[in-house]
C-alpha atoms as a PDB file:
ATOM      1  CA  MET A   1      68.154  11.928-161.570  1.00  0.00           C
ATOM      2  CA  SER A   2      71.468  13.676-161.819  1.00  0.00           C
ATOM      3  CA  GLU A   3      73.205  14.330-165.048  1.00  0.00           C
ATOM      4  CA  GLY A   4      76.304  12.486-163.913  1.00  0.00           C
ATOM      5  CA  TYR A   5      79.099  12.182-161.413  1.00  0.00           C
ATOM      6  CA  VAL A   6      82.513  10.769-160.657  1.00  0.00           C
ATOM      7  CA  GLN A   7      83.140   9.244-157.220  1.00  0.00           C
ATOM      8  CA  LEU A   8      86.396   8.230-155.545  1.00  0.00           C
ATOM      9  CA  LEU A   9      86.498   6.141-152.375  1.00  0.00           C
ATOM     10  CA  CYS A  10      89.759   6.415-150.446  1.00  0.00           C
ATOM     11  CA  GLU A  11      90.520   4.253-147.424  1.00  0.00           C
ATOM     12  CA  LYS A  12      92.997   6.721-145.937  1.00  0.00           C
ATOM     13  CA  TRP A  13      92.378  10.461-146.065  1.00  0.00           C
ATOM     14  CA  ASN A  14      94.450  13.219-144.506  1.00  0.00           C
ATOM     15  CA  PRO A  15      95.600  16.790-145.189  1.00  0.00           C
ATOM     16  CA  SER A  16      98.017  15.649-147.912  1.00  0.00           C
ATOM     17  CA  SER A  17      95.143  13.806-149.620  1.00  0.00           C
ATOM     18  CA  ALA A  18      93.094  16.999-149.525  1.00  0.00           C
ATOM     19  CA  GLU A  19      96.010  18.998-150.951  1.00  0.00           C
ATOM     20  CA  SER A  20      96.492  16.384-153.676  1.00  0.00           C
ATOM     21  CA  LEU A  21      92.825  16.650-154.680  1.00  0.00           C
ATOM     22  CA  VAL A  22      93.047  20.423-155.110  1.00  0.00           C
ATOM     23  CA  ALA A  23      96.441  20.338-156.854  1.00  0.00           C
ATOM     24  CA  SER A  24      95.510  17.555-159.269  1.00  0.00           C
ATOM     25  CA  ALA A  25      92.390  19.460-160.341  1.00  0.00           C
ATOM     26  CA  GLY A  26      94.456  22.476-161.326  1.00  0.00           C
ATOM     27  CA  GLU A  27      96.739  20.293-163.429  1.00  0.00           C
ATOM     28  CA  VAL A  28      93.830  19.432-165.750  1.00  0.00           C
ATOM     29  CA  GLY A  29      92.250  22.891-165.986  1.00  0.00           C
ATOM     30  CA  ILE A  30      89.723  22.612-163.170  1.00  0.00           C
ATOM     31  CA  TYR A  31      90.319  25.322-160.593  1.00  0.00           C
ATOM     32  CA  LEU A  32      89.435  25.999-156.997  1.00  0.00           C
ATOM     33  CA  ALA A  33      89.166  29.732-157.694  1.00  0.00           C
ATOM     34  CA  ASN A  34      86.692  31.107-160.222  1.00  0.00           C
ATOM     35  CA  PRO A  35      88.901  32.208-163.165  1.00  0.00           C
ATOM     36  CA  ALA A  36      86.952  35.452-163.675  1.00  0.00           C
ATOM     37  CA  ASN A  37      86.825  36.812-160.141  1.00  0.00           C
ATOM     38  CA  GLY A  38      89.244  34.655-158.118  1.00  0.00           C
ATOM     39  CA  ARG A  39      86.586  33.684-155.581  1.00  0.00           C
ATOM     40  CA  ILE A  40      86.795  30.360-153.786  1.00  0.00           C
ATOM     41  CA  THR A  41      83.531  29.082-152.351  1.00  0.00           C
ATOM     42  CA  GLU A  42      82.144  26.404-150.123  1.00  0.00           C
ATOM     43  CA  LEU A  43      78.439  25.689-150.420  1.00  0.00           C
ATOM     44  CA  SER A  44      75.972  25.709-147.542  1.00  0.00           C
ATOM     45  CA  GLU A  45      73.348  22.989-147.137  1.00  0.00           C
ATOM     46  CA  LEU A  46      70.990  25.312-149.039  1.00  0.00           C
ATOM     47  CA  GLY A  47      73.496  25.776-151.874  1.00  0.00           C
ATOM     48  CA  GLU A  48      74.517  29.306-150.925  1.00  0.00           C
ATOM     49  CA  GLN A  49      78.087  30.265-151.744  1.00  0.00           C
ATOM     50  CA  ILE A  50      80.252  30.924-148.687  1.00  0.00           C
ATOM     51  CA  PRO A  51      83.520  32.771-149.377  1.00  0.00           C
ATOM     52  CA  ALA A  52      86.628  30.793-148.443  1.00  0.00           C
ATOM     53  CA  ASP A  53      90.301  30.660-149.252  1.00  0.00           C
ATOM     54  CA  ARG A  54      92.486  27.802-150.464  1.00  0.00           C
ATOM     55  CA  GLY A  55      93.856  27.054-146.993  1.00  0.00           C
ATOM     56  CA  ARG A  56      90.380  26.816-145.499  1.00  0.00           C
ATOM     57  CA  ILE A  57      89.123  24.523-148.271  1.00  0.00           C
ATOM     58  CA  VAL A  58      92.125  22.198-147.909  1.00  0.00           C
ATOM     59  CA  ALA A  59      91.733  22.195-144.112  1.00  0.00           C
ATOM     60  CA  ASP A  60      87.985  21.559-144.339  1.00  0.00           C
ATOM     61  CA  ILE A  61      88.251  18.767-146.906  1.00  0.00           C
ATOM     62  CA  SER A  62      90.937  17.065-144.844  1.00  0.00           C
ATOM     63  CA  LEU A  63      87.890  16.226-142.673  1.00  0.00           C
ATOM     64  CA  SER A  64      89.706  16.746-139.405  1.00  0.00           C
ATOM     65  CA  GLY A  65      86.872  18.805-137.948  1.00  0.00           C
ATOM     66  CA  THR A  66      83.785  17.797-139.907  1.00  0.00           C
ATOM     67  CA  GLY A  67      82.194  14.822-141.589  1.00  0.00           C
ATOM     68  CA  GLU A  68      81.229  16.486-144.887  1.00  0.00           C
ATOM     69  CA  VAL A  69      82.213  19.524-146.965  1.00  0.00           C
ATOM     70  CA  THR A  70      80.674  20.793-150.209  1.00  0.00           C
ATOM     71  CA  PHE A  71      82.549  23.270-152.402  1.00  0.00           C
ATOM     72  CA  GLN A  72      83.033  24.297-156.016  1.00  0.00           C
ATOM     73  CA  PHE A  73      85.725  23.723-158.584  1.00  0.00           C
ATOM     74  CA  TRP A  74      85.576  25.900-161.693  1.00  0.00           C
ATOM     75  CA  ILE A  75      86.152  25.119-165.366  1.00  0.00           C
ATOM     76  CA  ASP A  76      85.461  28.697-166.448  1.00  0.00           C
ATOM     77  CA  GLU A  77      83.735  31.712-164.947  1.00  0.00           C
ATOM     78  CA  ASP A  78      80.238  30.249-165.429  1.00  0.00           C
ATOM     79  CA  VAL A  79      80.842  26.488-165.266  1.00  0.00           C
ATOM     80  CA  ASP A  80      81.423  24.788-161.944  1.00  0.00           C
ATOM     81  CA  VAL A  81      81.841  21.249-160.664  1.00  0.00           C
ATOM     82  CA  VAL A  82      80.258  20.706-157.258  1.00  0.00           C
ATOM     83  CA  CYS A  83      82.434  18.513-155.060  1.00  0.00           C
ATOM     84  CA  VAL A  84      81.288  16.773-151.887  1.00  0.00           C
ATOM     85  CA  VAL A  85      83.958  15.256-149.641  1.00  0.00           C
ATOM     86  CA  ARG A  86      82.673  13.243-146.725  1.00  0.00           C
ATOM     87  CA  ARG A  87      83.948  10.768-144.183  1.00  0.00           C
ATOM     88  CA  TRP A  88      83.897   7.152-145.319  1.00  0.00           C
ATOM     89  CA  LYS A  89      84.863   4.396-142.961  1.00  0.00           C
ATOM     90  CA  GLU A  90      86.886   5.456-139.942  1.00  0.00           C
ATOM     91  CA  ARG A  91      89.790   7.222-141.687  1.00  0.00           C
ATOM     92  CA  GLY A  92      88.702   7.364-145.310  1.00  0.00           C
ATOM     93  CA  ALA A  93      86.784   9.718-147.560  1.00  0.00           C
ATOM     94  CA  SER A  94      84.271   9.671-150.363  1.00  0.00           C
ATOM     95  CA  VAL A  95      84.877  12.353-152.993  1.00  0.00           C
ATOM     96  CA  ARG A  96      81.948  12.947-155.345  1.00  0.00           C
ATOM     97  CA  LEU A  97      82.183  15.335-158.287  1.00  0.00           C
ATOM     98  CA  PHE A  98      78.874  16.295-159.898  1.00  0.00           C
ATOM     99  CA  VAL A  99      78.955  17.122-163.598  1.00  0.00           C
ATOM    100  CA  ASP A 100      75.439  18.550-163.953  1.00  0.00           C
ATOM    101  CA  GLY A 101      75.321  21.340-166.525  1.00  0.00           C
ATOM    102  CA  LEU A 102      78.598  20.383-168.181  1.00  0.00           C
ATOM    103  CA  ASP A 103      78.837  19.523-171.842  1.00  0.00           C
ATOM    104  CA  TRP A 104      80.122  16.080-172.826  1.00  0.00           C
ATOM    105  CA  VAL A 105      83.723  17.265-173.320  1.00  0.00           C
ATOM    106  CA  GLN A 106      83.764  18.845-169.857  1.00  0.00           C
ATOM    107  CA  ARG A 107      82.172  15.734-168.306  1.00  0.00           C
ATOM    108  CA  THR A 108      84.830  13.614-169.937  1.00  0.00           C
ATOM    109  CA  ALA A 109      87.599  15.886-168.611  1.00  0.00           C
ATOM    110  CA  VAL A 110      86.238  15.505-165.060  1.00  0.00           C
ATOM    111  CA  ALA A 111      85.962  11.723-165.579  1.00  0.00           C
ATOM    112  CA  GLN A 112      89.564  11.535-166.795  1.00  0.00           C
ATOM    113  CA  TRP A 113      90.689  13.546-163.771  1.00  0.00           C
ATOM    114  CA  GLY A 114      88.801  11.143-161.481  1.00  0.00           C
ATOM    115  CA  ILE A 115      90.354   8.128-163.168  1.00  0.00           C
ATOM    116  CA  ALA A 116      93.858   9.636-162.905  1.00  0.00           C
ATOM    117  CA  ALA A 117      93.292  10.405-159.214  1.00  0.00           C
ATOM    118  CA  GLY A 118      91.960   6.908-158.572  1.00  0.00           C
ATOM    119  CA  LEU A 119      95.024   5.392-160.209  1.00  0.00           C
ATOM    120  CA  SER A 120      97.567   7.623-158.517  1.00  0.00           C
ATOM    121  CA  TRP A 121      96.232   7.431-154.957  1.00  0.00           C
ATOM    122  CA  PRO A 122      97.387   4.167-153.366  1.00  0.00           C
ATOM    123  CA  ALA A 123      94.595   4.467-150.797  1.00  0.00           C
ATOM    124  CA  ALA A 124      91.883   4.529-153.476  1.00  0.00           C
ATOM    125  CA  ALA A 125      89.613   1.556-152.799  1.00  0.00           C
ATOM    126  CA  ALA A 126      87.282   2.177-155.730  1.00  0.00           C
ATOM    127  CA  PHE A 127      86.094   4.764-158.175  1.00  0.00           C
ATOM    128  CA  VAL A 128      82.982   5.173-160.257  1.00  0.00           C
ATOM    129  CA  VAL A 129      82.481   7.090-163.491  1.00  0.00           C
ATOM    130  CA  ASP A 130      78.911   7.698-164.579  1.00  0.00           C
ATOM    131  CA  ARG A 131      78.715  10.730-166.850  1.00  0.00           C
ATOM    132  CA  ARG A 132      75.013  10.083-167.536  1.00  0.00           C
ATOM    133  CA  GLY A 133      74.004   9.591-163.899  1.00  0.00           C
ATOM    134  CA  LYS A 134      72.189   6.248-164.289  1.00  0.00           C
ATOM    135  CA  SER A 135      73.631   4.923-161.031  1.00  0.00           C
ATOM    136  CA  GLU A 136      73.390   8.059-158.892  1.00  0.00           C
ATOM    137  CA  ASP A 137      71.051   6.454-156.351  1.00  0.00           C
ATOM    138  CA  GLU A 138      73.421   3.559-155.704  1.00  0.00           C
ATOM    139  CA  ASP A 139      75.310   3.505-152.408  1.00  0.00           C
ATOM    140  CA  TRP A 140      78.863   2.903-153.625  1.00  0.00           C
ATOM    141  CA  GLU A 141      80.266   3.544-150.171  1.00  0.00           C
ATOM    142  CA  ASP A 142      78.309   0.637-148.721  1.00  0.00           C
ATOM    143  CA  TRP A 143      79.033  -1.548-151.741  1.00  0.00           C
ATOM    144  CA  ALA A 144      82.790  -0.918-151.578  1.00  0.00           C
ATOM    145  CA  GLU A 145      82.832  -1.552-147.834  1.00  0.00           C
ATOM    146  CA  SER A 146      80.932  -4.831-147.975  1.00  0.00           C
ATOM    147  CA  GLY A 147      82.086  -5.921-151.443  1.00  0.00           C
ATOM    148  CA  SER A 148      78.720  -7.425-152.166  1.00  0.00           C
ATOM    149  CA  GLY A 149      75.094  -6.684-152.749  1.00  0.00           C
ATOM    150  CA  ALA A 150      72.744  -6.009-155.584  1.00  0.00           C
ATOM    151  CA  VAL A 151      72.946  -2.791-157.550  1.00  0.00           C
ATOM    152  CA  GLU A 152      70.031  -1.685-159.697  1.00  0.00           C
ATOM    153  CA  ASP A 153      71.808   0.576-162.173  1.00  0.00           C
ATOM    154  CA  ALA A 154      75.455   0.126-163.052  1.00  0.00           C
ATOM    155  CA  PRO A 155      77.764   3.023-163.974  1.00  0.00           C
ATOM    156  CA  GLU A 156      79.751   3.127-167.186  1.00  0.00           C
ATOM    157  CA  LEU A 157      83.028   2.389-165.371  1.00  0.00           C
ATOM    158  CA  LEU A 158      83.770   0.901-161.979  1.00  0.00           C
ATOM    159  CA  ALA A 159      87.244   0.233-160.634  1.00  0.00           C
ATOM    160  CA  VAL A 160      87.836  -1.726-157.450  1.00  0.00           C
ATOM    161  CA  ARG A 161      91.068  -2.606-155.696  1.00  0.00           C
ATOM    162  CA  GLY A 162      91.857  -6.220-154.907  1.00  0.00           C
ATOM    163  CA  ALA A 163      91.802  -9.482-156.798  1.00  0.00           C
ATOM    164  CA  ASP A 164      88.623 -10.623-155.078  1.00  0.00           C
ATOM    165  CA  ALA A 165      86.982  -7.192-154.824  1.00  0.00           C
ATOM    166  CA  GLY A 166      83.262  -7.492-155.202  1.00  0.00           C
ATOM    167  CA  ALA A 167      83.466 -11.254-155.662  1.00  0.00           C
ATOM    168  CA  GLY A 168      80.140 -11.788-153.909  1.00  0.00           C
ATOM    169  CA  SER A 169      78.354  -9.026-155.769  1.00  0.00           C
ATOM    170  CA  THR A 170      75.678  -9.646-158.327  1.00  0.00           C
ATOM    171  CA  LEU A 171      76.687  -6.279-159.817  1.00  0.00           C
ATOM    172  CA  LEU A 172      79.909  -7.604-161.262  1.00  0.00           C
ATOM    173  CA  SER A 173      78.183 -10.326-163.238  1.00  0.00           C
ATOM    174  CA  GLY A 174      77.164  -7.688-165.797  1.00  0.00           C
ATOM    175  CA  PHE A 175      80.659  -6.269-166.156  1.00  0.00           C
ATOM    176  CA  SER A 176      83.716  -7.413-167.993  1.00  0.00           C
ATOM    177  CA  VAL A 177      87.277  -6.687-166.921  1.00  0.00           C
ATOM    178  CA  TRP A 178      88.629  -4.005-169.188  1.00  0.00           C
ATOM    179  CA  CYS A 179      92.135  -4.065-167.766  1.00  0.00           C
ATOM    180  CA  SER A 180      93.948  -4.896-164.593  1.00  0.00           C
ATOM    181  CA  GLU A 181      96.767  -2.900-163.055  1.00  0.00           C
ATOM    182  CA  PRO A 182      99.691  -4.613-161.284  1.00  0.00           C
ATOM    183  CA  ASP A 183      98.334  -3.667-157.856  1.00  0.00           C
ATOM    184  CA  LEU A 184      95.088  -5.446-158.744  1.00  0.00           C
ATOM    185  CA  LEU A 185      92.906  -2.452-159.483  1.00  0.00           C
ATOM    186  CA  GLN A 186      90.237  -4.006-161.658  1.00  0.00           C
ATOM    187  CA  PHE A 187      88.513  -1.856-164.278  1.00  0.00           C
ATOM    188  CA  LEU A 188      85.036  -3.071-165.005  1.00  0.00           C
ATOM    189  CA  VAL A 189      82.922  -1.810-167.863  1.00  0.00           C
ATOM    190  CA  GLN A 190      79.284  -2.390-168.646  1.00  0.00           C
END
């Protein structure tokens, strides 16, 4: 089991979405370049660091040429946040930020960044915050696409767009609405 993650599901994803992801991270003290050495890295399937530059990362995570990209954001020279951006639906993306190895304050900062991104991106269909990782094995992409289905382990926070989002899901029976935004983004807490 993971030690936690934040996941954003966006129905429309393009180069400006990719740029927004990178820029918004920097605004909250999470950087694409390692603060100590300035290196920017993608990760191979085996977890090896592959040198990159900002332009390449933004181009790669725009998903115009690939279905999935893994790279690192940095909090300080030794603390990183692994980010996986992959195709979701035909034109959307799933952005998953893993908070393994972070202390609770750092996990909370990543969660707050994810929540802010989910609120500010009009194409965000849903986002999940689970700093403890209880729900890591759940398929949120499938759940958000179908809006129904059983989920074994619920995250600490789930937000879904639409007044009837997840109406057929047994998952939502265990949640209460924490607040509702004007554009009908429902915040559900366990």
